[in-house]
């Protein structure tokens, strides 16, 4: 169960990182977004202007 939860969190984290990369907030080579928490990434995505 713990491994499934960890995997789900990593999938969510990658989803938010990809959204931020697509929006130009980060470059694909940046290490910074991987050091942020899922909550921090989610807040950054929520602050993106709506298309």
N, C-alpha and C. Protein backbone atom coordinates (compact mmCIF):
# COMPACT_ATOMS: atom_id res chain seq x y z
N UNK A 1 0.83 -1.20 0.00
CA UNK A 1 0.00 0.00 0.00
C UNK A 1 0.87 1.25 0.00
N UNK A 2 1.92 1.27 0.80
CA UNK A 2 2.79 2.44 0.89
C UNK A 2 3.45 2.71 -0.46
N UNK A 3 3.85 1.67 -1.17
CA UNK A 3 4.48 1.85 -2.47
C UNK A 3 3.50 2.44 -3.47
N UNK A 4 2.24 2.03 -3.41
CA UNK A 4 1.23 2.56 -4.32
C UNK A 4 1.00 4.04 -4.05
N UNK A 5 0.97 4.42 -2.80
CA UNK A 5 0.79 5.82 -2.44
C UNK A 5 1.98 6.65 -2.90
N UNK A 6 3.17 6.14 -2.69
CA UNK A 6 4.38 6.84 -3.13
C UNK A 6 4.38 7.01 -4.64
N UNK A 7 3.97 5.96 -5.35
CA UNK A 7 3.91 6.02 -6.81
C UNK A 7 2.87 7.04 -7.28
N UNK A 8 1.73 7.07 -6.62
CA UNK A 8 0.68 8.03 -6.98
C UNK A 8 1.16 9.47 -6.76
N UNK A 9 1.88 9.70 -5.68
CA UNK A 9 2.41 11.04 -5.40
C UNK A 9 3.43 11.43 -6.46
N UNK A 10 4.29 10.52 -6.85
CA UNK A 10 5.29 10.81 -7.88
C UNK A 10 4.62 11.11 -9.23
N UNK A 11 3.54 10.40 -9.54
CA UNK A 11 2.79 10.67 -10.78
C UNK A 11 2.18 12.06 -10.73
N UNK A 12 1.58 12.44 -9.60
CA UNK A 12 1.01 13.78 -9.45
C UNK A 12 2.09 14.84 -9.56
N UNK A 13 3.22 14.60 -8.93
CA UNK A 13 4.33 15.55 -8.96
C UNK A 13 4.80 15.77 -10.40
N UNK A 14 4.96 14.69 -11.14
CA UNK A 14 5.41 14.80 -12.53
C UNK A 14 4.38 15.52 -13.38
N UNK A 15 3.10 15.28 -13.11
CA UNK A 15 2.02 15.96 -13.84
C UNK A 15 2.14 17.48 -13.65
N UNK A 16 2.28 17.92 -12.40
CA UNK A 16 2.39 19.35 -12.12
C UNK A 16 3.66 19.94 -12.71
N UNK A 17 4.77 19.22 -12.63
CA UNK A 17 6.02 19.70 -13.21
C UNK A 17 5.87 19.87 -14.71
N UNK A 18 5.25 18.91 -15.37
CA UNK A 18 5.03 19.01 -16.82
C UNK A 18 4.17 20.22 -17.16
N UNK A 19 3.14 20.48 -16.37
CA UNK A 19 2.28 21.65 -16.61
C UNK A 19 3.09 22.94 -16.50
N UNK A 20 3.97 23.01 -15.50
CA UNK A 20 4.78 24.20 -15.29
C UNK A 20 5.84 24.36 -16.38
N UNK A 21 6.39 23.26 -16.85
CA UNK A 21 7.34 23.31 -17.97
C UNK A 21 6.63 23.80 -19.22
N UNK A 22 5.44 23.26 -19.49
CA UNK A 22 4.66 23.67 -20.66
C UNK A 22 4.31 25.16 -20.61
N UNK A 23 4.10 25.68 -19.40
CA UNK A 23 3.75 27.08 -19.23
C UNK A 23 4.98 27.99 -19.27
N UNK A 24 6.17 27.40 -19.31
CA UNK A 24 7.39 28.18 -19.37
C UNK A 24 7.92 28.63 -18.03
N UNK A 25 7.37 28.11 -16.95
CA UNK A 25 7.84 28.48 -15.61
C UNK A 25 9.21 27.86 -15.35
N UNK A 26 9.39 26.63 -15.78
CA UNK A 26 10.66 25.92 -15.62
C UNK A 26 11.11 25.41 -16.98
N UNK A 27 12.41 25.18 -17.11
CA UNK A 27 12.96 24.49 -18.27
C UNK A 27 13.01 23.01 -17.97
N UNK A 28 13.01 22.19 -18.98
CA UNK A 28 13.04 20.74 -18.79
C UNK A 28 14.31 20.30 -18.06
N UNK A 29 15.39 21.09 -18.16
CA UNK A 29 16.66 20.72 -17.53
C UNK A 29 16.74 21.14 -16.07
N UNK A 30 15.81 21.96 -15.61
CA UNK A 30 15.85 22.46 -14.23
C UNK A 30 15.68 21.33 -13.22
N UNK A 31 16.45 21.40 -12.16
CA UNK A 31 16.31 20.45 -11.05
C UNK A 31 15.38 20.99 -9.98
N UNK A 32 15.20 22.30 -9.97
CA UNK A 32 14.43 22.97 -8.92
C UNK A 32 13.03 22.38 -8.69
N UNK A 33 12.23 22.14 -9.73
CA UNK A 33 10.86 21.67 -9.46
C UNK A 33 10.83 20.31 -8.76
N UNK A 34 11.86 19.51 -8.93
CA UNK A 34 11.88 18.19 -8.30
C UNK A 34 12.16 18.29 -6.80
N UNK A 35 12.62 19.46 -6.35
CA UNK A 35 12.87 19.67 -4.92
C UNK A 35 11.65 20.24 -4.20
N UNK A 36 10.62 20.59 -4.96
CA UNK A 36 9.40 21.15 -4.37
C UNK A 36 8.44 20.03 -3.98
N UNK A 37 7.55 20.34 -3.05
CA UNK A 37 6.54 19.37 -2.66
C UNK A 37 5.39 19.39 -3.65
N UNK A 38 4.56 18.38 -3.60
CA UNK A 38 3.38 18.31 -4.47
C UNK A 38 2.47 19.51 -4.19
N UNK A 39 2.32 19.87 -2.94
CA UNK A 39 1.47 21.02 -2.58
C UNK A 39 2.01 22.31 -3.17
N UNK A 40 3.32 22.51 -3.11
CA UNK A 40 3.92 23.71 -3.67
C UNK A 40 3.72 23.76 -5.19
N UNK A 41 3.93 22.63 -5.84
CA UNK A 41 3.73 22.56 -7.29
C UNK A 41 2.28 22.83 -7.66
N UNK A 42 1.36 22.25 -6.89
CA UNK A 42 -0.07 22.44 -7.16
C UNK A 42 -0.45 23.91 -7.04
N UNK A 43 0.07 24.60 -6.02
CA UNK A 43 -0.23 26.03 -5.85
C UNK A 43 0.32 26.83 -7.03
N UNK A 44 1.50 26.47 -7.51
CA UNK A 44 2.07 27.18 -8.65
C UNK A 44 1.22 26.99 -9.90
N UNK A 45 0.72 25.77 -10.11
CA UNK A 45 -0.13 25.49 -11.27
C UNK A 45 -1.44 26.27 -11.15
N UNK A 46 -1.99 26.35 -9.95
CA UNK A 46 -3.25 27.07 -9.75
C UNK A 46 -3.09 28.57 -10.04
N UNK A 47 -1.89 29.11 -9.87
CA UNK A 47 -1.64 30.52 -10.11
C UNK A 47 -1.40 30.85 -11.58
N UNK A 48 -1.26 29.82 -12.41
CA UNK A 48 -1.04 30.06 -13.84
C UNK A 48 -2.26 30.73 -14.44
N UNK A 49 -2.03 31.65 -15.37
CA UNK A 49 -3.18 32.27 -16.04
C UNK A 49 -3.96 31.22 -16.84
N UNK A 50 -5.24 31.34 -16.80
CA UNK A 50 -6.11 30.41 -17.53
C UNK A 50 -6.06 30.75 -19.01
N UNK A 51 -6.00 29.72 -19.82
CA UNK A 51 -5.90 29.94 -21.29
C UNK A 51 -7.25 30.24 -21.88
